């Protein structure tokens, strides 16, 4: 009876370790995705700012032409 309980406890401890490892990997993946999304948002904003600057320069050039 004690051996069965010890074995069950050992199995559960192993499962807890496995789940913690899996959770850590998932958290790292979520953080990577979060960082990537924000990087893409910043790049898109920079592109928009560049396009707006170009359009403004073209309009000013047309006005002063």
PDB file of N, CA and C in Angstrom:
ATOM      1  N   UNK A   1       0.824  -1.200   0.000  1.00  0.00           N
ATOM      2  CA  UNK A   1       0.000   0.000   0.000  1.00  0.00           C
ATOM      3  C   UNK A   1       0.870   1.267   0.000  1.00  0.00           C
ATOM      4  N   UNK A   2       1.881   1.294   0.843  1.00  0.00           N
ATOM      5  CA  UNK A   2       2.768   2.454   0.914  1.00  0.00           C
ATOM      6  C   UNK A   2       3.543   2.603  -0.389  1.00  0.00           C
ATOM      7  N   UNK A   3       3.986   1.506  -0.954  1.00  0.00           N
ATOM      8  CA  UNK A   3       4.710   1.562  -2.215  1.00  0.00           C
ATOM      9  C   UNK A   3       3.846   2.141  -3.330  1.00  0.00           C
ATOM     10  N   UNK A   4       2.575   1.791  -3.330  1.00  0.00           N
ATOM     11  CA  UNK A   4       1.658   2.323  -4.339  1.00  0.00           C
ATOM     12  C   UNK A   4       1.499   3.830  -4.166  1.00  0.00           C
ATOM     13  N   UNK A   5       1.368   4.261  -2.922  1.00  0.00           N
ATOM     14  CA  UNK A   5       1.234   5.700  -2.656  1.00  0.00           C
ATOM     15  C   UNK A   5       2.510   6.434  -3.044  1.00  0.00           C
ATOM     16  N   UNK A   6       3.649   5.849  -2.704  1.00  0.00           N
ATOM     17  CA  UNK A   6       4.925   6.457  -3.074  1.00  0.00           C
ATOM     18  C   UNK A   6       5.055   6.561  -4.591  1.00  0.00           C
ATOM     19  N   UNK A   7       4.641   5.518  -5.271  1.00  0.00           N
ATOM     20  CA  UNK A   7       4.707   5.528  -6.729  1.00  0.00           C
ATOM     21  C   UNK A   7       3.768   6.578  -7.307  1.00  0.00           C
ATOM     22  N   UNK A   8       2.575   6.673  -6.744  1.00  0.00           N
ATOM     23  CA  UNK A   8       1.611   7.676  -7.198  1.00  0.00           C
ATOM     24  C   UNK A   8       2.162   9.089  -6.970  1.00  0.00           C
ATOM     25  N   UNK A   9       2.727   9.313  -5.804  1.00  0.00           N
ATOM     26  CA  UNK A   9       3.312  10.621  -5.499  1.00  0.00           C
ATOM     27  C   UNK A   9       4.454  10.927  -6.466  1.00  0.00           C
ATOM     28  N   UNK A  10       5.289   9.962  -6.723  1.00  0.00           N
ATOM     29  CA  UNK A  10       6.402  10.153  -7.655  1.00  0.00           C
ATOM     30  C   UNK A  10       5.885  10.481  -9.057  1.00  0.00           C
ATOM     31  N   UNK A  11       4.868   9.766  -9.488  1.00  0.00           N
ATOM     32  CA  UNK A  11       4.275  10.027 -10.810  1.00  0.00           C
ATOM     33  C   UNK A  11       3.686  11.426 -10.882  1.00  0.00           C
ATOM     34  N   UNK A  12       3.018  11.822  -9.832  1.00  0.00           N
ATOM     35  CA  UNK A  12       2.413  13.157  -9.808  1.00  0.00           C
ATOM     36  C   UNK A  12       3.484  14.248  -9.790  1.00  0.00           C
ATOM     37  N   UNK A  13       4.541  14.038  -9.051  1.00  0.00           N
ATOM     38  CA  UNK A  13       5.642  15.006  -9.037  1.00  0.00           C
ATOM     39  C   UNK A  13       6.268  15.134 -10.418  1.00  0.00           C
ATOM     40  N   UNK A  14       6.433  14.007 -11.091  1.00  0.00           N
ATOM     41  CA  UNK A  14       6.982  14.036 -12.459  1.00  0.00           C
ATOM     42  C   UNK A  14       6.052  14.793 -13.397  1.00  0.00           C
ATOM     43  N   UNK A  15       4.766  14.568 -13.243  1.00  0.00           N
ATOM     44  CA  UNK A  15       3.790  15.258 -14.095  1.00  0.00           C
ATOM     45  C   UNK A  15       3.810  16.765 -13.822  1.00  0.00           C
ATOM     46  N   UNK A  16       3.935  17.135 -12.568  1.00  0.00           N
ATOM     47  CA  UNK A  16       4.010  18.555 -12.213  1.00  0.00           C
ATOM     48  C   UNK A  16       5.245  19.190 -12.850  1.00  0.00           C
ATOM     49  N   UNK A  17       6.388  18.514 -12.774  1.00  0.00           N
ATOM     50  CA  UNK A  17       7.611  19.030 -13.410  1.00  0.00           C
ATOM     51  C   UNK A  17       7.427  19.178 -14.915  1.00  0.00           C
ATOM     52  N   UNK A  18       6.826  18.174 -15.530  1.00  0.00           N
ATOM     53  CA  UNK A  18       6.604  18.228 -16.978  1.00  0.00           C
ATOM     54  C   UNK A  18       5.696  19.398 -17.341  1.00  0.00           C
ATOM     55  N   UNK A  19       4.634  19.568 -16.561  1.00  0.00           N
ATOM     56  CA  UNK A  19       3.700  20.666 -16.830  1.00  0.00           C
ATOM     57  C   UNK A  19       4.351  22.032 -16.604  1.00  0.00           C
ATOM     58  N   UNK A  20       5.192  22.131 -15.606  1.00  0.00           N
ATOM     59  CA  UNK A  20       5.906  23.401 -15.370  1.00  0.00           C
ATOM     60  C   UNK A  20       6.843  23.715 -16.524  1.00  0.00           C
ATOM     61  N   UNK A  21       7.542  22.704 -17.017  1.00  0.00           N
ATOM     62  CA  UNK A  21       8.429  22.899 -18.167  1.00  0.00           C
ATOM     63  C   UNK A  21       7.640  23.334 -19.398  1.00  0.00           C
ATOM     64  N   UNK A  22       6.531  22.668 -19.618  1.00  0.00           N
ATOM     65  CA  UNK A  22       5.685  23.014 -20.769  1.00  0.00           C
ATOM     66  C   UNK A  22       5.147  24.434 -20.627  1.00  0.00           C
ATOM     67  N   UNK A  23       4.717  24.779 -19.424  1.00  0.00           N
ATOM     68  CA  UNK A  23       4.201  26.117 -19.172  1.00  0.00           C
ATOM     69  C   UNK A  23       5.273  27.173 -19.425  1.00  0.00           C
ATOM     70  N   UNK A  24       6.491  26.896 -19.001  1.00  0.00           N
ATOM     71  CA  UNK A  24       7.592  27.838 -19.225  1.00  0.00           C
ATOM     72  C   UNK A  24       7.812  28.071 -20.715  1.00  0.00           C
ATOM     73  N   UNK A  25       7.810  26.991 -21.491  1.00  0.00           N
ATOM     74  CA  UNK A  25       7.987  27.126 -22.941  1.00  0.00           C
ATOM     75  C   UNK A  25       6.850  27.936 -23.558  1.00  0.00           C
ATOM     76  N   UNK A  26       5.629  27.683 -23.093  1.00  0.00           N
ATOM     77  CA  UNK A  26       4.483  28.432 -23.625  1.00  0.00           C
ATOM     78  C   UNK A  26       4.574  29.912 -23.253  1.00  0.00           C
ATOM     79  N   UNK A  27       4.985  30.202 -22.024  1.00  0.00           N
ATOM     80  CA  UNK A  27       5.149  31.600 -21.622  1.00  0.00           C
ATOM     81  C   UNK A  27       6.210  32.292 -22.471  1.00  0.00           C
ATOM     82  N   UNK A  28       7.302  31.594 -22.767  1.00  0.00           N
ATOM     83  CA  UNK A  28       8.351  32.171 -23.608  1.00  0.00           C
ATOM     84  C   UNK A  28       7.823  32.427 -25.020  1.00  0.00           C
ATOM     85  N   UNK A  29       7.006  31.515 -25.521  1.00  0.00           N
ATOM     86  CA  UNK A  29       6.429  31.686 -26.858  1.00  0.00           C
ATOM     87  C   UNK A  29       5.488  32.887 -26.885  1.00  0.00           C
ATOM     88  N   UNK A  30       4.667  33.007 -25.858  1.00  0.00           N
ATOM     89  CA  UNK A  30       3.739  34.147 -25.789  1.00  0.00           C
ATOM     90  C   UNK A  30       4.521  35.453 -25.714  1.00  0.00           C
ATOM     91  N   UNK A  31       5.582  35.497 -24.919  1.00  0.00           N
ATOM     92  CA  UNK A  31       6.402  36.710 -24.822  1.00  0.00           C
ATOM     93  C   UNK A  31       7.038  37.040 -26.165  1.00  0.00           C
ATOM     94  N   UNK A  32       7.542  36.022 -26.869  1.00  0.00           N
ATOM     95  CA  UNK A  32       8.142  36.227 -28.188  1.00  0.00           C
ATOM     96  C   UNK A  32       7.102  36.792 -29.154  1.00  0.00           C
ATOM     97  N   UNK A  33       5.893  36.221 -29.129  1.00  0.00           N
ATOM     98  CA  UNK A  33       4.835  36.707 -30.014  1.00  0.00           C
ATOM     99  C   UNK A  33       4.462  38.150 -29.671  1.00  0.00           C
ATOM    100  N   UNK A  34       4.365  38.452 -28.395  1.00  0.00           N
ATOM    101  CA  UNK A  34       4.050  39.807 -27.953  1.00  0.00           C
ATOM    102  C   UNK A  34       5.092  40.798 -28.450  1.00  0.00           C
ATOM    103  N   UNK A  35       6.367  40.455 -28.274  1.00  0.00           N
ATOM    104  CA  UNK A  35       7.455  41.327 -28.728  1.00  0.00           C
ATOM    105  C   UNK A  35       7.420  41.509 -30.241  1.00  0.00           C
ATOM    106  N   UNK A  36       7.172  40.426 -30.964  1.00  0.00           N
ATOM    107  CA  UNK A  36       7.120  40.494 -32.423  1.00  0.00           C
ATOM    108  C   UNK A  36       5.974  41.380 -32.899  1.00  0.00           C
ATOM    109  N   UNK A  37       4.817  41.222 -32.296  1.00  0.00           N
ATOM    110  CA  UNK A  37       3.658  42.042 -32.679  1.00  0.00           C
ATOM    111  C   UNK A  37       3.950  43.510 -32.461  1.00  0.00           C
ATOM    112  N   UNK A  38       4.522  43.862 -31.298  1.00  0.00           N
ATOM    113  CA  UNK A  38       4.814  45.273 -31.042  1.00  0.00           C
ATOM    114  C   UNK A  38       5.897  45.808 -31.976  1.00  0.00           C
ATOM    115  N   UNK A  39       6.854  44.971 -32.314  1.00  0.00           N
ATOM    116  CA  UNK A  39       7.869  45.388 -33.282  1.00  0.00           C
ATOM    117  C   UNK A  39       7.209  45.687 -34.630  1.00  0.00           C
ATOM    118  N   UNK A  40       6.293  44.832 -35.052  1.00  0.00           N
ATOM    119  CA  UNK A  40       5.616  45.038 -36.329  1.00  0.00           C
ATOM    120  C   UNK A  40       4.749  46.297 -36.286  1.00  0.00           C
ATOM    121  N   UNK A  41       4.100  46.547 -35.157  1.00  0.00           N
ATOM    122  CA  UNK A  41       3.273  47.757 -35.015  1.00  0.00           C
ATOM    123  C   UNK A  41       4.159  48.999 -35.128  1.00  0.00           C
ATOM    124  N   UNK A  42       5.306  48.979 -34.440  1.00  0.00           N
ATOM    125  CA  UNK A  42       6.217  50.139 -34.525  1.00  0.00           C
ATOM    126  C   UNK A  42       6.719  50.352 -35.942  1.00  0.00           C
ATOM    127  N   UNK A  43       7.062  49.268 -36.631  1.00  0.00           N
ATOM    128  CA  UNK A  43       7.534  49.397 -38.015  1.00  0.00           C
ATOM    129  C   UNK A  43       6.445  49.957 -38.916  1.00  0.00           C
ATOM    130  N   UNK A  44       5.211  49.514 -38.707  1.00  0.00           N
ATOM    131  CA  UNK A  44       4.100  50.017 -39.509  1.00  0.00           C
ATOM    132  C   UNK A  44       3.875  51.509 -39.244  1.00  0.00           C
ATOM    133  N   UNK A  45       3.971  51.904 -37.982  1.00  0.00           N
ATOM    134  CA  UNK A  45       3.806  53.317 -37.634  1.00  0.00           C
ATOM    135  C   UNK A  45       4.915  54.159 -38.261  1.00  0.00           C
ATOM    136  N   UNK A  46       6.137  53.645 -38.241  1.00  0.00           N
ATOM    137  CA  UNK A  46       7.247  54.365 -38.869  1.00  0.00           C
ATOM    138  C   UNK A  46       7.018  54.504 -40.369  1.00  0.00           C
ATOM    139  N   UNK A  47       6.495  53.465 -40.995  1.00  0.00           N
ATOM    140  CA  UNK A  47       6.199  53.531 -42.426  1.00  0.00           C
ATOM    141  C   UNK A  47       5.138  54.591 -42.689  1.00  0.00           C
ATOM    142  N   UNK A  48       4.089  54.585 -41.866  1.00  0.00           N
ATOM    143  CA  UNK A  48       3.020  55.575 -42.038  1.00  0.00           C
ATOM    144  C   UNK A  48       3.568  56.981 -41.867  1.00  0.00           C
ATOM    145  N   UNK A  49       4.408  57.161 -40.850  1.00  0.00           N
ATOM    146  CA  UNK A  49       5.002  58.487 -40.623  1.00  0.00           C
ATOM    147  C   UNK A  49       5.836  58.907 -41.826  1.00  0.00           C
ATOM    148  N   UNK A  50       6.580  57.979 -42.403  1.00  0.00           N
ATOM    149  CA  UNK A  50       7.389  58.268 -43.584  1.00  0.00           C
ATOM    150  C   UNK A  50       6.528  58.629 -44.778  1.00  0.00           C
ATOM    151  N   UNK A  51       5.413  57.921 -44.941  1.00  0.00           N
ATOM    152  CA  UNK A  51       4.506  58.212 -46.055  1.00  0.00           C
ATOM    153  C   UNK A  51       3.861  59.571 -45.874  1.00  0.00           C
ATOM    154  N   UNK A  52       3.474  59.885 -44.630  1.00  0.00           N
ATOM    155  CA  UNK A  52       2.865  61.191 -44.365  1.00  0.00           C
ATOM    156  C   UNK A  52       3.868  62.298 -44.635  1.00  0.00           C
ATOM    157  N   UNK A  53       5.111  62.108 -44.221  1.00  0.00           N
ATOM    158  CA  UNK A  53       6.146  63.115 -44.463  1.00  0.00           C
ATOM    159  C   UNK A  53       6.367  63.315 -45.956  1.00  0.00           C
ATOM    160  N   UNK A  54       6.380  62.235 -46.713  1.00  0.00           N
ATOM    161  CA  UNK A  54       6.566  62.327 -48.161  1.00  0.00           C
ATOM    162  C   UNK A  54       5.409  63.049 -48.811  1.00  0.00           C
ATOM    163  N   UNK A  55       4.186  62.714 -48.380  1.00  0.00           N
ATOM    164  CA  UNK A  55       3.003  63.360 -48.945  1.00  0.00           C
ATOM    165  C   UNK A  55       2.984  64.843 -48.609  1.00  0.00           C
ATOM    166  N   UNK A  56       3.356  65.184 -47.385  1.00  0.00           N
ATOM    167  CA  UNK A  56       3.396  66.592 -46.975  1.00  0.00           C
ATOM    168  C   UNK A  56       4.438  67.338 -47.790  1.00  0.00           C
ATOM    169  N   UNK A  57       5.598  66.749 -47.976  1.00  0.00           N
ATOM    170  CA  UNK A  57       6.650  67.388 -48.773  1.00  0.00           C
ATOM    171  C   UNK A  57       6.189  67.601 -50.218  1.00  0.00           C
ATOM    172  N   UNK A  58       5.493  66.616 -50.775  1.00  0.00           N
ATOM    173  CA  UNK A  58       5.000  66.749 -52.153  1.00  0.00           C
ATOM    174  C   UNK A  58       3.967  67.887 -52.243  1.00  0.00           C
ATOM    175  N   UNK A  59       3.087  67.973 -51.262  1.00  0.00           N
ATOM    176  CA  UNK A  59       2.068  69.036 -51.273  1.00  0.00           C
ATOM    177  C   UNK A  59       2.722  70.412 -51.139  1.00  0.00           C
ATOM    178  N   UNK A  60       3.704  70.492 -50.231  1.00  0.00           N
ATOM    179  CA  UNK A  60       4.381  71.778 -50.074  1.00  0.00           C
ATOM    180  C   UNK A  60       5.133  72.154 -51.342  1.00  0.00           C
ATOM    181  N   UNK A  61       5.749  71.182 -51.981  1.00  0.00           N
ATOM    182  CA  UNK A  61       6.469  71.452 -53.214  1.00  0.00           C
ATOM    183  C   UNK A  61       5.499  71.911 -54.299  1.00  0.00           C
ATOM    184  N   UNK A  62       4.310  71.318 -54.343  1.00  0.00           N
ATOM    185  CA  UNK A  62       3.331  71.699 -55.351  1.00  0.00           C
ATOM    186  C   UNK A  62       2.819  73.105 -55.086  1.00  0.00           C
ATOM    187  N   UNK A  63       2.657  73.456 -53.824  1.00  0.00           N
ATOM    188  CA  UNK A  63       2.168  74.792 -53.473  1.00  0.00           C
ATOM    189  C   UNK A  63       3.182  75.853 -53.862  1.00  0.00           C
ATOM    190  N   UNK A  64       4.458  75.555 -53.637  1.00  0.00           N
ATOM    191  CA  UNK A  64       5.509  76.540 -53.893  1.00  0.00           C
ATOM    192  C   UNK A  64       6.023  76.489 -55.325  1.00  0.00           C
ATOM    193  N   UNK A  65       5.466  75.620 -56.136  1.00  0.00           N
ATOM    194  CA  UNK A  65       5.952  75.499 -57.524  1.00  0.00           C
ATOM    195  C   UNK A  65       5.372  76.575 -58.389  1.00  0.00           C
TER     196      UNK A  65
END
